[in-house]
Structure formats: C-alpha cells, structure tokens
mmCIF file of all heavy atoms, coordinates in Angstrom:
data_MODEL
# 
_entry.id   MODEL 
# 
loop_
_atom_site.group_PDB 
_atom_site.id 
_atom_site.type_symbol 
_atom_site.label_atom_id 
_atom_site.label_alt_id 
_atom_site.label_comp_id 
_atom_site.label_asym_id 
_atom_site.label_entity_id 
_atom_site.label_seq_id 
_atom_site.pdbx_PDB_ins_code 
_atom_site.Cartn_x 
_atom_site.Cartn_y 
_atom_site.Cartn_z 
_atom_site.occupancy 
_atom_site.B_iso_or_equiv 
_atom_site.pdbx_formal_charge 
_atom_site.auth_seq_id 
_atom_site.auth_comp_id 
_atom_site.auth_asym_id 
_atom_site.auth_atom_id 
_atom_site.pdbx_PDB_model_num 
ATOM 1   N N   . GLN A 1 1  ? 29.032 22.547 -0.960 1.00 0.00 ? 1  GLN A N   1 
ATOM 2   C CA  . GLN A 1 1  ? 28.343 22.454 -2.240 1.00 0.00 ? 1  GLN A CA  1 
ATOM 3   C C   . GLN A 1 1  ? 28.279 21.041 -2.813 1.00 0.00 ? 1  GLN A C   1 
ATOM 4   O O   . GLN A 1 1  ? 27.412 20.751 -3.635 1.00 0.00 ? 1  GLN A O   1 
ATOM 5   C CB  . GLN A 1 1  ? 29.016 23.396 -3.249 1.00 0.00 ? 1  GLN A CB  1 
ATOM 6   C CG  . GLN A 1 1  ? 28.974 24.853 -2.817 1.00 0.00 ? 1  GLN A CG  1 
ATOM 7   C CD  . GLN A 1 1  ? 29.705 25.768 -3.774 1.00 0.00 ? 1  GLN A CD  1 
ATOM 8   O OE1 . GLN A 1 1  ? 30.398 25.325 -4.679 1.00 0.00 ? 1  GLN A OE1 1 
ATOM 9   N NE2 . GLN A 1 1  ? 29.549 27.070 -3.582 1.00 0.00 ? 1  GLN A NE2 1 
ATOM 10  N N   . SER A 1 2  ? 29.189 20.166 -2.438 1.00 0.00 ? 2  SER A N   1 
ATOM 11  C CA  . SER A 1 2  ? 29.177 18.807 -2.988 1.00 0.00 ? 2  SER A CA  1 
ATOM 12  C C   . SER A 1 2  ? 28.178 17.949 -2.229 1.00 0.00 ? 2  SER A C   1 
ATOM 13  O O   . SER A 1 2  ? 27.899 18.173 -1.041 1.00 0.00 ? 2  SER A O   1 
ATOM 14  C CB  . SER A 1 2  ? 30.568 18.183 -2.925 1.00 0.00 ? 2  SER A CB  1 
ATOM 15  O OG  . SER A 1 2  ? 30.956 17.988 -1.585 1.00 0.00 ? 2  SER A OG  1 
ATOM 16  N N   . ASP A 1 3  ? 27.636 16.960 -2.913 1.00 0.00 ? 3  ASP A N   1 
ATOM 17  C CA  . ASP A 1 3  ? 26.664 16.067 -2.298 1.00 0.00 ? 3  ASP A CA  1 
ATOM 18  C C   . ASP A 1 3  ? 27.299 15.268 -1.171 1.00 0.00 ? 3  ASP A C   1 
ATOM 19  O O   . ASP A 1 3  ? 26.639 14.894 -0.208 1.00 0.00 ? 3  ASP A O   1 
ATOM 20  C CB  . ASP A 1 3  ? 26.099 15.118 -3.362 1.00 0.00 ? 3  ASP A CB  1 
ATOM 21  C CG  . ASP A 1 3  ? 24.772 14.516 -2.954 1.00 0.00 ? 3  ASP A CG  1 
ATOM 22  O OD1 . ASP A 1 3  ? 23.902 15.272 -2.488 1.00 0.00 ? 3  ASP A OD1 1 
ATOM 23  O OD2 . ASP A 1 3  ? 24.618 13.289 -3.073 1.00 0.00 ? 3  ASP A OD2 1 
ATOM 24  N N   . HIS A 1 4  ? 28.595 15.013 -1.251 1.00 0.00 ? 4  HIS A N   1 
ATOM 25  C CA  . HIS A 1 4  ? 29.302 14.215 -0.246 1.00 0.00 ? 4  HIS A CA  1 
ATOM 26  C C   . HIS A 1 4  ? 29.469 14.963 1.068  1.00 0.00 ? 4  HIS A C   1 
ATOM 27  O O   . HIS A 1 4  ? 29.515 14.348 2.139  1.00 0.00 ? 4  HIS A O   1 
ATOM 28  C CB  . HIS A 1 4  ? 30.676 13.812 -0.798 1.00 0.00 ? 4  HIS A CB  1 
ATOM 29  C CG  . HIS A 1 4  ? 31.471 12.969 0.137  1.00 0.00 ? 4  HIS A CG  1 
ATOM 30  N ND1 . HIS A 1 4  ? 31.183 11.630 0.357  1.00 0.00 ? 4  HIS A ND1 1 
ATOM 31  C CD2 . HIS A 1 4  ? 32.546 13.259 0.932  1.00 0.00 ? 4  HIS A CD2 1 
ATOM 32  C CE1 . HIS A 1 4  ? 32.052 11.141 1.233  1.00 0.00 ? 4  HIS A CE1 1 
ATOM 33  N NE2 . HIS A 1 4  ? 32.883 12.104 1.590  1.00 0.00 ? 4  HIS A NE2 1 
ATOM 34  N N   . SER A 1 5  ? 29.543 16.300 1.021  1.00 0.00 ? 5  SER A N   1 
ATOM 35  C CA  . SER A 1 5  ? 29.815 17.086 2.225  1.00 0.00 ? 5  SER A CA  1 
ATOM 36  C C   . SER A 1 5  ? 28.581 17.770 2.787  1.00 0.00 ? 5  SER A C   1 
ATOM 37  O O   . SER A 1 5  ? 28.693 18.534 3.752  1.00 0.00 ? 5  SER A O   1 
ATOM 38  C CB  . SER A 1 5  ? 30.880 18.142 1.922  1.00 0.00 ? 5  SER A CB  1 
ATOM 39  O OG  . SER A 1 5  ? 30.417 19.039 0.922  1.00 0.00 ? 5  SER A OG  1 
ATOM 40  N N   . ARG A 1 6  ? 27.423 17.537 2.230  1.00 0.00 ? 6  ARG A N   1 
ATOM 41  C CA  . ARG A 1 6  ? 26.214 18.206 2.712  1.00 0.00 ? 6  ARG A CA  1 
ATOM 42  C C   . ARG A 1 6  ? 25.874 17.806 4.141  1.00 0.00 ? 6  ARG A C   1 
ATOM 43  O O   . ARG A 1 6  ? 26.126 16.686 4.569  1.00 0.00 ? 6  ARG A O   1 
ATOM 44  C CB  . ARG A 1 6  ? 25.027 17.863 1.808  1.00 0.00 ? 6  ARG A CB  1 
ATOM 45  C CG  . ARG A 1 6  ? 24.998 18.619 0.498  1.00 0.00 ? 6  ARG A CG  1 
ATOM 46  C CD  . ARG A 1 6  ? 23.841 18.152 -0.356 1.00 0.00 ? 6  ARG A CD  1 
ATOM 47  N NE  . ARG A 1 6  ? 23.730 18.920 -1.582 1.00 0.00 ? 6  ARG A NE  1 
ATOM 48  C CZ  . ARG A 1 6  ? 22.967 18.568 -2.615 1.00 0.00 ? 6  ARG A CZ  1 
ATOM 49  N NH1 . ARG A 1 6  ? 22.250 17.459 -2.556 1.00 0.00 ? 6  ARG A NH1 1 
ATOM 50  N NH2 . ARG A 1 6  ? 22.923 19.312 -3.693 1.00 0.00 ? 6  ARG A NH2 1 
ATOM 51  N N   . THR A 1 7  ? 25.258 18.738 4.857  1.00 0.00 ? 7  THR A N   1 
ATOM 52  C CA  . THR A 1 7  ? 24.731 18.421 6.169  1.00 0.00 ? 7  THR A CA  1 
ATOM 53  C C   . THR A 1 7  ? 23.347 17.804 6.016  1.00 0.00 ? 7  THR A C   1 
ATOM 54  O O   . THR A 1 7  ? 22.794 17.722 4.919  1.00 0.00 ? 7  THR A O   1 
ATOM 55  C CB  . THR A 1 7  ? 24.630 19.681 7.032  1.00 0.00 ? 7  THR A CB  1 
ATOM 56  O OG1 . THR A 1 7  ? 23.708 20.601 6.411  1.00 0.00 ? 7  THR A OG1 1 
ATOM 57  C CG2 . THR A 1 7  ? 25.982 20.348 7.195  1.00 0.00 ? 7  THR A CG2 1 
ATOM 58  N N   . LEU A 1 8  ? 22.801 17.365 7.141  1.00 0.00 ? 8  LEU A N   1 
ATOM 59  C CA  . LEU A 1 8  ? 21.512 16.689 7.090  1.00 0.00 ? 8  LEU A CA  1 
ATOM 60  C C   . LEU A 1 8  ? 20.415 17.606 6.575  1.00 0.00 ? 8  LEU A C   1 
ATOM 61  O O   . LEU A 1 8  ? 19.597 17.203 5.737  1.00 0.00 ? 8  LEU A O   1 
ATOM 62  C CB  . LEU A 1 8  ? 21.167 16.171 8.490  1.00 0.00 ? 8  LEU A CB  1 
ATOM 63  C CG  . LEU A 1 8  ? 19.943 15.276 8.607  1.00 0.00 ? 8  LEU A CG  1 
ATOM 64  C CD1 . LEU A 1 8  ? 20.055 14.076 7.689  1.00 0.00 ? 8  LEU A CD1 1 
ATOM 65  C CD2 . LEU A 1 8  ? 19.752 14.827 10.039 1.00 0.00 ? 8  LEU A CD2 1 
ATOM 66  N N   . MET A 1 9  ? 20.373 18.849 7.058  1.00 0.00 ? 9  MET A N   1 
ATOM 67  C CA  . MET A 1 9  ? 19.321 19.768 6.623  1.00 0.00 ? 9  MET A CA  1 
ATOM 68  C C   . MET A 1 9  ? 19.476 20.133 5.152  1.00 0.00 ? 9  MET A C   1 
ATOM 69  O O   . MET A 1 9  ? 18.496 20.188 4.411  1.00 0.00 ? 9  MET A O   1 
ATOM 70  C CB  . MET A 1 9  ? 19.346 21.038 7.484  1.00 0.00 ? 9  MET A CB  1 
ATOM 71  C CG  . MET A 1 9  ? 18.927 20.832 8.915  1.00 0.00 ? 9  MET A CG  1 
ATOM 72  S SD  . MET A 1 9  ? 17.251 20.189 9.100  1.00 0.00 ? 9  MET A SD  1 
ATOM 73  C CE  . MET A 1 9  ? 17.601 18.559 9.774  1.00 0.00 ? 9  MET A CE  1 
ATOM 74  N N   . ALA A 1 10 ? 20.709 20.370 4.720  1.00 0.00 ? 10 ALA A N   1 
ATOM 75  C CA  . ALA A 1 10 ? 20.936 20.682 3.307  1.00 0.00 ? 10 ALA A CA  1 
ATOM 76  C C   . ALA A 1 10 ? 20.633 19.467 2.443  1.00 0.00 ? 10 ALA A C   1 
ATOM 77  O O   . ALA A 1 10 ? 20.073 19.581 1.351  1.00 0.00 ? 10 ALA A O   1 
ATOM 78  C CB  . ALA A 1 10 ? 22.372 21.140 3.095  1.00 0.00 ? 10 ALA A CB  1 
ATOM 79  N N   . GLY A 1 11 ? 21.009 18.284 2.921  1.00 0.00 ? 11 GLY A N   1 
ATOM 80  C CA  . GLY A 1 11 ? 20.719 17.069 2.167  1.00 0.00 ? 11 GLY A CA  1 
ATOM 81  C C   . GLY A 1 11 ? 19.233 16.799 2.059  1.00 0.00 ? 11 GLY A C   1 
ATOM 82  O O   . GLY A 1 11 ? 18.753 16.338 1.017  1.00 0.00 ? 11 GLY A O   1 
ATOM 83  N N   . LEU A 1 12 ? 18.490 17.096 3.128  1.00 0.00 ? 12 LEU A N   1 
ATOM 84  C CA  . LEU A 1 12 ? 17.042 16.867 3.090  1.00 0.00 ? 12 LEU A CA  1 
ATOM 85  C C   . LEU A 1 12 ? 16.355 17.777 2.082  1.00 0.00 ? 12 LEU A C   1 
ATOM 86  O O   . LEU A 1 12 ? 15.285 17.442 1.565  1.00 0.00 ? 12 LEU A O   1 
ATOM 87  C CB  . LEU A 1 12 ? 16.440 17.081 4.480  1.00 0.00 ? 12 LEU A CB  1 
ATOM 88  C CG  . LEU A 1 12 ? 16.663 15.950 5.485  1.00 0.00 ? 12 LEU A CG  1 
ATOM 89  C CD1 . LEU A 1 12 ? 16.119 16.340 6.852  1.00 0.00 ? 12 LEU A CD1 1 
ATOM 90  C CD2 . LEU A 1 12 ? 15.995 14.669 4.997  1.00 0.00 ? 12 LEU A CD2 1 
ATOM 91  N N   . THR A 1 13 ? 16.936 18.937 1.810  1.00 0.00 ? 13 THR A N   1 
ATOM 92  C CA  . THR A 1 13 ? 16.370 19.814 0.790  1.00 0.00 ? 13 THR A CA  1 
ATOM 93  C C   . THR A 1 13 ? 16.395 19.138 -0.577 1.00 0.00 ? 13 THR A C   1 
ATOM 94  O O   . THR A 1 13 ? 15.396 19.123 -1.303 1.00 0.00 ? 13 THR A O   1 
ATOM 95  C CB  . THR A 1 13 ? 17.163 21.133 0.733  1.00 0.00 ? 13 THR A CB  1 
ATOM 96  O OG1 . THR A 1 13 ? 17.154 21.742 2.018  1.00 0.00 ? 13 THR A OG1 1 
ATOM 97  C CG2 . THR A 1 13 ? 16.558 22.083 -0.275 1.00 0.00 ? 13 THR A CG2 1 
ATOM 98  N N   . ALA A 1 14 ? 17.547 18.568 -0.936 1.00 0.00 ? 14 ALA A N   1 
ATOM 99  C CA  . ALA A 1 14 ? 17.642 17.810 -2.184 1.00 0.00 ? 14 ALA A CA  1 
ATOM 100 C C   . ALA A 1 14 ? 16.857 16.520 -2.100 1.00 0.00 ? 14 ALA A C   1 
ATOM 101 O O   . ALA A 1 14 ? 16.278 16.054 -3.082 1.00 0.00 ? 14 ALA A O   1 
ATOM 102 C CB  . ALA A 1 14 ? 19.111 17.521 -2.494 1.00 0.00 ? 14 ALA A CB  1 
ATOM 103 N N   . PHE A 1 15 ? 16.812 15.936 -0.901 1.00 0.00 ? 15 PHE A N   1 
ATOM 104 C CA  . PHE A 1 15 ? 16.084 14.689 -0.670 1.00 0.00 ? 15 PHE A CA  1 
ATOM 105 C C   . PHE A 1 15 ? 14.594 14.877 -0.964 1.00 0.00 ? 15 PHE A C   1 
ATOM 106 O O   . PHE A 1 15 ? 13.957 14.031 -1.610 1.00 0.00 ? 15 PHE A O   1 
ATOM 107 C CB  . PHE A 1 15 ? 16.300 14.259 0.776  1.00 0.00 ? 15 PHE A CB  1 
ATOM 108 C CG  . PHE A 1 15 ? 15.766 12.893 1.115  1.00 0.00 ? 15 PHE A CG  1 
ATOM 109 C CD1 . PHE A 1 15 ? 16.500 11.770 0.807  1.00 0.00 ? 15 PHE A CD1 1 
ATOM 110 C CD2 . PHE A 1 15 ? 14.553 12.735 1.765  1.00 0.00 ? 15 PHE A CD2 1 
ATOM 111 C CE1 . PHE A 1 15 ? 16.035 10.510 1.137  1.00 0.00 ? 15 PHE A CE1 1 
ATOM 112 C CE2 . PHE A 1 15 ? 14.074 11.494 2.089  1.00 0.00 ? 15 PHE A CE2 1 
ATOM 113 C CZ  . PHE A 1 15 ? 14.823 10.373 1.776  1.00 0.00 ? 15 PHE A CZ  1 
ATOM 114 N N   . GLN A 1 16 ? 14.038 15.986 -0.494 1.00 0.00 ? 16 GLN A N   1 
ATOM 115 C CA  . GLN A 1 16 ? 12.613 16.251 -0.733 1.00 0.00 ? 16 GLN A CA  1 
ATOM 116 C C   . GLN A 1 16 ? 12.345 16.493 -2.214 1.00 0.00 ? 16 GLN A C   1 
ATOM 117 O O   . GLN A 1 16 ? 11.297 16.083 -2.729 1.00 0.00 ? 16 GLN A O   1 
ATOM 118 C CB  . GLN A 1 16 ? 12.175 17.455 0.100  1.00 0.00 ? 16 GLN A CB  1 
ATOM 119 C CG  . GLN A 1 16 ? 12.203 17.207 1.588  1.00 0.00 ? 16 GLN A CG  1 
ATOM 120 C CD  . GLN A 1 16 ? 11.765 18.418 2.377  1.00 0.00 ? 16 GLN A CD  1 
ATOM 121 O OE1 . GLN A 1 16 ? 10.711 18.999 2.128  1.00 0.00 ? 16 GLN A OE1 1 
ATOM 122 N NE2 . GLN A 1 16 ? 12.571 18.823 3.353  1.00 0.00 ? 16 GLN A NE2 1 
ATOM 123 N N   . ASN A 1 17 ? 13.264 17.160 -2.914 1.00 0.00 ? 17 ASN A N   1 
ATOM 124 C CA  . ASN A 1 17 ? 13.075 17.364 -4.349 1.00 0.00 ? 17 ASN A CA  1 
ATOM 125 C C   . ASN A 1 17 ? 13.136 16.050 -5.110 1.00 0.00 ? 17 ASN A C   1 
ATOM 126 O O   . ASN A 1 17 ? 12.423 15.861 -6.108 1.00 0.00 ? 17 ASN A O   1 
ATOM 127 C CB  . ASN A 1 17 ? 14.154 18.321 -4.876 1.00 0.00 ? 17 ASN A CB  1 
ATOM 128 C CG  . ASN A 1 17 ? 14.002 19.717 -4.327 1.00 0.00 ? 17 ASN A CG  1 
ATOM 129 O OD1 . ASN A 1 17 ? 12.899 20.149 -3.995 1.00 0.00 ? 17 ASN A OD1 1 
ATOM 130 N ND2 . ASN A 1 17 ? 15.108 20.433 -4.196 1.00 0.00 ? 17 ASN A ND2 1 
ATOM 131 N N   . ARG A 1 18 ? 13.987 15.127 -4.635 1.00 0.00 ? 18 ARG A N   1 
ATOM 132 C CA  . ARG A 1 18 ? 14.139 13.848 -5.312 1.00 0.00 ? 18 ARG A CA  1 
ATOM 133 C C   . ARG A 1 18 ? 12.925 12.951 -5.095 1.00 0.00 ? 18 ARG A C   1 
ATOM 134 O O   . ARG A 1 18 ? 12.536 12.181 -5.968 1.00 0.00 ? 18 ARG A O   1 
ATOM 135 C CB  . ARG A 1 18 ? 15.405 13.168 -4.791 1.00 0.00 ? 18 ARG A CB  1 
ATOM 136 C CG  . ARG A 1 18 ? 15.855 11.960 -5.594 1.00 0.00 ? 18 ARG A CG  1 
ATOM 137 C CD  . ARG A 1 18 ? 17.159 11.427 -5.017 1.00 0.00 ? 18 ARG A CD  1 
ATOM 138 N NE  . ARG A 1 18 ? 18.147 12.490 -4.866 1.00 0.00 ? 18 ARG A NE  1 
ATOM 139 C CZ  . ARG A 1 18 ? 19.197 12.408 -4.072 1.00 0.00 ? 18 ARG A CZ  1 
ATOM 140 N NH1 . ARG A 1 18 ? 19.404 11.343 -3.347 1.00 0.00 ? 18 ARG A NH1 1 
ATOM 141 N NH2 . ARG A 1 18 ? 20.051 13.415 -4.011 1.00 0.00 ? 18 ARG A NH2 1 
ATOM 142 N N   . TYR A 1 19 ? 12.344 13.032 -3.892 1.00 0.00 ? 19 TYR A N   1 
ATOM 143 C CA  . TYR A 1 19 ? 11.218 12.155 -3.549 1.00 0.00 ? 19 TYR A CA  1 
ATOM 144 C C   . TYR A 1 19 ? 9.957  12.974 -3.263 1.00 0.00 ? 19 TYR A C   1 
ATOM 145 O O   . TYR A 1 19 ? 9.173  12.614 -2.391 1.00 0.00 ? 19 TYR A O   1 
ATOM 146 C CB  . TYR A 1 19 ? 11.559 11.310 -2.321 1.00 0.00 ? 19 TYR A CB  1 
ATOM 147 C CG  . TYR A 1 19 ? 12.701 10.372 -2.514 1.00 0.00 ? 19 TYR A CG  1 
ATOM 148 C CD1 . TYR A 1 19 ? 13.972 10.676 -2.021 1.00 0.00 ? 19 TYR A CD1 1 
ATOM 149 C CD2 . TYR A 1 19 ? 12.540 9.164  -3.196 1.00 0.00 ? 19 TYR A CD2 1 
ATOM 150 C CE1 . TYR A 1 19 ? 15.039 9.802  -2.190 1.00 0.00 ? 19 TYR A CE1 1 
ATOM 151 C CE2 . TYR A 1 19 ? 13.599 8.288  -3.361 1.00 0.00 ? 19 TYR A CE2 1 
ATOM 152 C CZ  . TYR A 1 19 ? 14.842 8.614  -2.861 1.00 0.00 ? 19 TYR A CZ  1 
ATOM 153 O OH  . TYR A 1 19 ? 15.898 7.746  -3.023 1.00 0.00 ? 19 TYR A OH  1 
ATOM 154 N N   . ASN A 1 20 ? 9.791  14.066 -4.005 1.00 0.00 ? 20 ASN A N   1 
ATOM 155 C CA  . ASN A 1 20 ? 8.675  14.955 -3.699 1.00 0.00 ? 20 ASN A CA  1 
ATOM 156 C C   . ASN A 1 20 ? 7.315  14.306 -3.928 1.00 0.00 ? 20 ASN A C   1 
ATOM 157 O O   . ASN A 1 20 ? 6.307  14.773 -3.414 1.00 0.00 ? 20 ASN A O   1 
ATOM 158 C CB  . ASN A 1 20 ? 8.784  16.256 -4.500 1.00 0.00 ? 20 ASN A CB  1 
ATOM 159 C CG  . ASN A 1 20 ? 8.806  16.021 -6.000 1.00 0.00 ? 20 ASN A CG  1 
ATOM 160 O OD1 . ASN A 1 20 ? 8.932  14.876 -6.466 1.00 0.00 ? 20 ASN A OD1 1 
ATOM 161 N ND2 . ASN A 1 20 ? 8.707  17.085 -6.765 1.00 0.00 ? 20 ASN A ND2 1 
ATOM 162 N N   . LEU A 1 21 ? 7.262  13.220 -4.699 1.00 0.00 ? 21 LEU A N   1 
ATOM 163 C CA  . LEU A 1 21 ? 6.003  12.515 -4.931 1.00 0.00 ? 21 LEU A CA  1 
ATOM 164 C C   . LEU A 1 21 ? 5.835  11.313 -4.010 1.00 0.00 ? 21 LEU A C   1 
ATOM 165 O O   . LEU A 1 21 ? 4.780  10.690 -3.998 1.00 0.00 ? 21 LEU A O   1 
ATOM 166 C CB  . LEU A 1 21 ? 5.895  12.075 -6.393 1.00 0.00 ? 21 LEU A CB  1 
ATOM 167 C CG  . LEU A 1 21 ? 5.877  13.195 -7.437 1.00 0.00 ? 21 LEU A CG  1 
ATOM 168 C CD1 . LEU A 1 21 ? 5.777  12.614 -8.834 1.00 0.00 ? 21 LEU A CD1 1 
ATOM 169 C CD2 . LEU A 1 21 ? 4.725  14.156 -7.174 1.00 0.00 ? 21 LEU A CD2 1 
ATOM 170 N N   . ASP A 1 22 ? 6.885  10.965 -3.260 1.00 0.00 ? 22 ASP A N   1 
ATOM 171 C CA  . ASP A 1 22 ? 6.828  9.828  -2.343 1.00 0.00 ? 22 ASP A CA  1 
ATOM 172 C C   . ASP A 1 22 ? 6.847  10.369 -0.918 1.00 0.00 ? 22 ASP A C   1 
ATOM 173 O O   . ASP A 1 22 ? 7.887  10.461 -0.274 1.00 0.00 ? 22 ASP A O   1 
ATOM 174 C CB  . ASP A 1 22 ? 8.011  8.895  -2.588 1.00 0.00 ? 22 ASP A CB  1 
ATOM 175 C CG  . ASP A 1 22 ? 7.782  7.513  -1.987 1.00 0.00 ? 22 ASP A CG  1 
ATOM 176 O OD1 . ASP A 1 22 ? 6.963  7.419  -1.047 1.00 0.00 ? 22 ASP A OD1 1 
ATOM 177 O OD2 . ASP A 1 22 ? 8.409  6.546  -2.451 1.00 0.00 ? 22 ASP A OD2 1 
ATOM 178 N N   . ILE A 1 23 ? 5.669  10.730 -0.411 1.00 0.00 ? 23 ILE A N   1 
ATOM 179 C CA  . ILE A 1 23 ? 5.560  11.389 0.885  1.00 0.00 ? 23 ILE A CA  1 
ATOM 180 C C   . ILE A 1 23 ? 6.099  10.535 2.027  1.00 0.00 ? 23 ILE A C   1 
ATOM 181 O O   . ILE A 1 23 ? 6.820  11.045 2.902  1.00 0.00 ? 23 ILE A O   1 
ATOM 182 C CB  . ILE A 1 23 ? 4.099  11.794 1.156  1.00 0.00 ? 23 ILE A CB  1 
ATOM 183 C CG1 . ILE A 1 23 ? 3.584  12.716 0.046  1.00 0.00 ? 23 ILE A CG1 1 
ATOM 184 C CG2 . ILE A 1 23 ? 3.986  12.498 2.507  1.00 0.00 ? 23 ILE A CG2 1 
ATOM 185 C CD1 . ILE A 1 23 ? 4.376  13.980 -0.116 1.00 0.00 ? 23 ILE A CD1 1 
ATOM 186 N N   . PRO A 1 24 ? 5.803  9.225  2.105  1.00 0.00 ? 24 PRO A N   1 
ATOM 187 C CA  . PRO A 1 24 ? 6.342  8.431  3.217  1.00 0.00 ? 24 PRO A CA  1 
ATOM 188 C C   . PRO A 1 24 ? 7.864  8.445  3.298  1.00 0.00 ? 24 PRO A C   1 
ATOM 189 O O   . PRO A 1 24 ? 8.425  8.439  4.400  1.00 0.00 ? 24 PRO A O   1 
ATOM 190 C CB  . PRO A 1 24 ? 5.799  7.020  2.928  1.00 0.00 ? 24 PRO A CB  1 
ATOM 191 C CG  . PRO A 1 24 ? 4.539  7.254  2.168  1.00 0.00 ? 24 PRO A CG  1 
ATOM 192 C CD  . PRO A 1 24 ? 4.828  8.439  1.309  1.00 0.00 ? 24 PRO A CD  1 
ATOM 193 N N   . VAL A 1 25 ? 8.548  8.457  2.169  1.00 0.00 ? 25 VAL A N   1 
ATOM 194 C CA  . VAL A 1 25 ? 10.012 8.483  2.186  1.00 0.00 ? 25 VAL A CA  1 
ATOM 195 C C   . VAL A 1 25 ? 10.505 9.823  2.750  1.00 0.00 ? 25 VAL A C   1 
ATOM 196 O O   . VAL A 1 25 ? 11.430 9.862  3.574  1.00 0.00 ? 25 VAL A O   1 
ATOM 197 C CB  . VAL A 1 25 ? 10.575 8.245  0.777  1.00 0.00 ? 25 VAL A CB  1 
ATOM 198 C CG1 . VAL A 1 25 ? 12.101 8.396  0.778  1.00 0.00 ? 25 VAL A CG1 1 
ATOM 199 C CG2 . VAL A 1 25 ? 10.191 6.873  0.271  1.00 0.00 ? 25 VAL A CG2 1 
ATOM 200 N N   . VAL A 1 26 ? 9.892  10.910 2.318  1.00 0.00 ? 26 VAL A N   1 
ATOM 201 C CA  . VAL A 1 26 ? 10.273 12.231 2.823  1.00 0.00 ? 26 VAL A CA  1 
ATOM 202 C C   . VAL A 1 26 ? 10.010 12.317 4.325  1.00 0.00 ? 26 VAL A C   1 
ATOM 203 O O   . VAL A 1 26 ? 10.855 12.804 5.100  1.00 0.00 ? 26 VAL A O   1 
ATOM 204 C CB  . VAL A 1 26 ? 9.505  13.332 2.072  1.00 0.00 ? 26 VAL A CB  1 
ATOM 205 C CG1 . VAL A 1 26 ? 9.799  14.697 2.692  1.00 0.00 ? 26 VAL A CG1 1 
ATOM 206 C CG2 . VAL A 1 26 ? 9.871  13.332 0.603  1.00 0.00 ? 26 VAL A CG2 1 
ATOM 207 N N   . MET A 1 27 ? 8.853  11.844 4.769  1.00 0.00 ? 27 MET A N   1 
ATOM 208 C CA  . MET A 1 27 ? 8.527  11.892 6.194  1.00 0.00 ? 27 MET A CA  1 
ATOM 209 C C   . MET A 1 27 ? 9.444  10.987 7.008  1.00 0.00 ? 27 MET A C   1 
ATOM 210 O O   . MET A 1 27 ? 9.783  11.307 8.154  1.00 0.00 ? 27 MET A O   1 
ATOM 211 C CB  . MET A 1 27 ? 7.060  11.493 6.402  1.00 0.00 ? 27 MET A CB  1 
ATOM 212 C CG  . MET A 1 27 ? 6.065  12.467 5.820  1.00 0.00 ? 27 MET A CG  1 
ATOM 213 S SD  . MET A 1 27 ? 6.278  14.136 6.493  1.00 0.00 ? 27 MET A SD  1 
ATOM 214 C CE  . MET A 1 27 ? 5.017  15.031 5.588  1.00 0.00 ? 27 MET A CE  1 
ATOM 215 N N   . ALA A 1 28 ? 9.865  9.872  6.442  1.00 0.00 ? 28 ALA A N   1 
ATOM 216 C CA  . ALA A 1 28 ? 10.815 9.004  7.143  1.00 0.00 ? 28 ALA A CA  1 
ATOM 217 C C   . ALA A 1 28 ? 12.154 9.710  7.321  1.00 0.00 ? 28 ALA A C   1 
ATOM 218 O O   . ALA A 1 28 ? 12.771 9.639  8.399  1.00 0.00 ? 28 ALA A O   1 
ATOM 219 C CB  . ALA A 1 28 ? 11.007 7.703  6.365  1.00 0.00 ? 28 ALA A CB  1 
# 
C-alpha cells in the first residue's frame, strides 16, 4: 500500500494518473 513498496505495475497505475495529460511521459 505504501508508495515506497509498490511494484512497477502498481506504480504505473498511479504514474498514469499523475501524468495523465502528458502522454509521452506515460508511454516512456
């Protein structure tokens, strides 16, 4: 549940929400 222990797939879920308007960052 903590941001420090997230896996890559779980982190990318929050990552996409954080950069949902910046498509190149999400695709990178």
